[in-house]
Amino acid sequence: MTPTLRCMIAAFTLFGLAACETVEGAGKDIQSVGKAISDTAES
């Protein structure tokens, strides 16, 4: 395997992991906003 190919694989892996963390964080934010709206509607 060439060094260029190794670098490309490593870069794609890191970007993939970073994207998962970002999506997970956004999902938690959306969930907390939904809970706040639901709590406000119930009271």
C-alpha atoms as a PDB file:
ATOM      1  CA  MET A   1       0.000   0.000   0.000  1.00  0.00           C
ATOM      2  CA  THR A   2       1.375   3.369  -0.977  1.00  0.00           C
ATOM      3  CA  PRO A   3       1.877   6.155   1.564  1.00  0.00           C
ATOM      4  CA  THR A   4      -0.607   8.343  -0.332  1.00  0.00           C
ATOM      5  CA  LEU A   5      -3.285   5.681  -0.086  1.00  0.00           C
ATOM      6  CA  ARG A   6      -2.608   5.233   3.629  1.00  0.00           C
ATOM      7  CA  CYS A   7      -2.981   8.984   4.186  1.00  0.00           C
ATOM      8  CA  MET A   8      -6.234   9.059   2.245  1.00  0.00           C
ATOM      9  CA  ILE A   9      -7.668   6.152   4.246  1.00  0.00           C
ATOM     10  CA  ALA A  10      -6.632   7.794   7.512  1.00  0.00           C
ATOM     11  CA  ALA A  11      -8.155  11.127   6.479  1.00  0.00           C
ATOM     12  CA  PHE A  12     -11.481   9.547   5.465  1.00  0.00           C
ATOM     13  CA  THR A  13     -11.590   7.600   8.728  1.00  0.00           C
ATOM     14  CA  LEU A  14     -10.978  10.721  10.811  1.00  0.00           C
ATOM     15  CA  PHE A  15     -13.548  12.751   8.868  1.00  0.00           C
ATOM     16  CA  GLY A  16     -16.064   9.942   9.300  1.00  0.00           C
ATOM     17  CA  LEU A  17     -15.536   9.823  13.049  1.00  0.00           C
ATOM     18  CA  ALA A  18     -15.772  13.616  13.312  1.00  0.00           C
ATOM     19  CA  ALA A  19     -19.036  13.608  11.351  1.00  0.00           C
ATOM     20  CA  CYS A  20     -20.523  10.998  13.685  1.00  0.00           C
ATOM     21  CA  GLU A  21     -19.655  13.092  16.721  1.00  0.00           C
ATOM     22  CA  THR A  22     -21.173  16.188  15.132  1.00  0.00           C
ATOM     23  CA  VAL A  23     -24.415  14.421  14.198  1.00  0.00           C
ATOM     24  CA  GLU A  24     -24.650  12.874  17.659  1.00  0.00           C
ATOM     25  CA  GLY A  25     -24.215  16.284  19.293  1.00  0.00           C
ATOM     26  CA  ALA A  26     -26.811  17.855  17.016  1.00  0.00           C
ATOM     27  CA  GLY A  27     -29.234  15.050  17.833  1.00  0.00           C
ATOM     28  CA  LYS A  28     -28.810  15.668  21.563  1.00  0.00           C
ATOM     29  CA  ASP A  29     -29.387  19.404  21.067  1.00  0.00           C
ATOM     30  CA  ILE A  30     -32.562  18.794  19.068  1.00  0.00           C
ATOM     31  CA  GLN A  31     -33.775  16.318  21.681  1.00  0.00           C
ATOM     32  CA  SER A  32     -33.260  18.816  24.515  1.00  0.00           C
ATOM     33  CA  VAL A  33     -35.129  21.537  22.579  1.00  0.00           C
ATOM     34  CA  GLY A  34     -38.010  19.127  21.941  1.00  0.00           C
ATOM     35  CA  LYS A  35     -38.160  18.240  25.635  1.00  0.00           C
ATOM     36  CA  ALA A  36     -38.219  21.914  26.617  1.00  0.00           C
ATOM     37  CA  ILE A  37     -41.075  22.606  24.193  1.00  0.00           C
ATOM     38  CA  SER A  38     -42.966  19.566  25.464  1.00  0.00           C
ATOM     39  CA  ASP A  39     -42.490  20.597  29.105  1.00  0.00           C
ATOM     40  CA  THR A  40     -43.699  24.119  28.315  1.00  0.00           C
ATOM     41  CA  ALA A  41     -46.771  22.817  26.489  1.00  0.00           C
ATOM     42  CA  GLU A  42     -47.702  20.551  29.413  1.00  0.00           C
ATOM     43  CA  SER A  43     -47.540  23.315  32.026  1.00  0.00           C
END
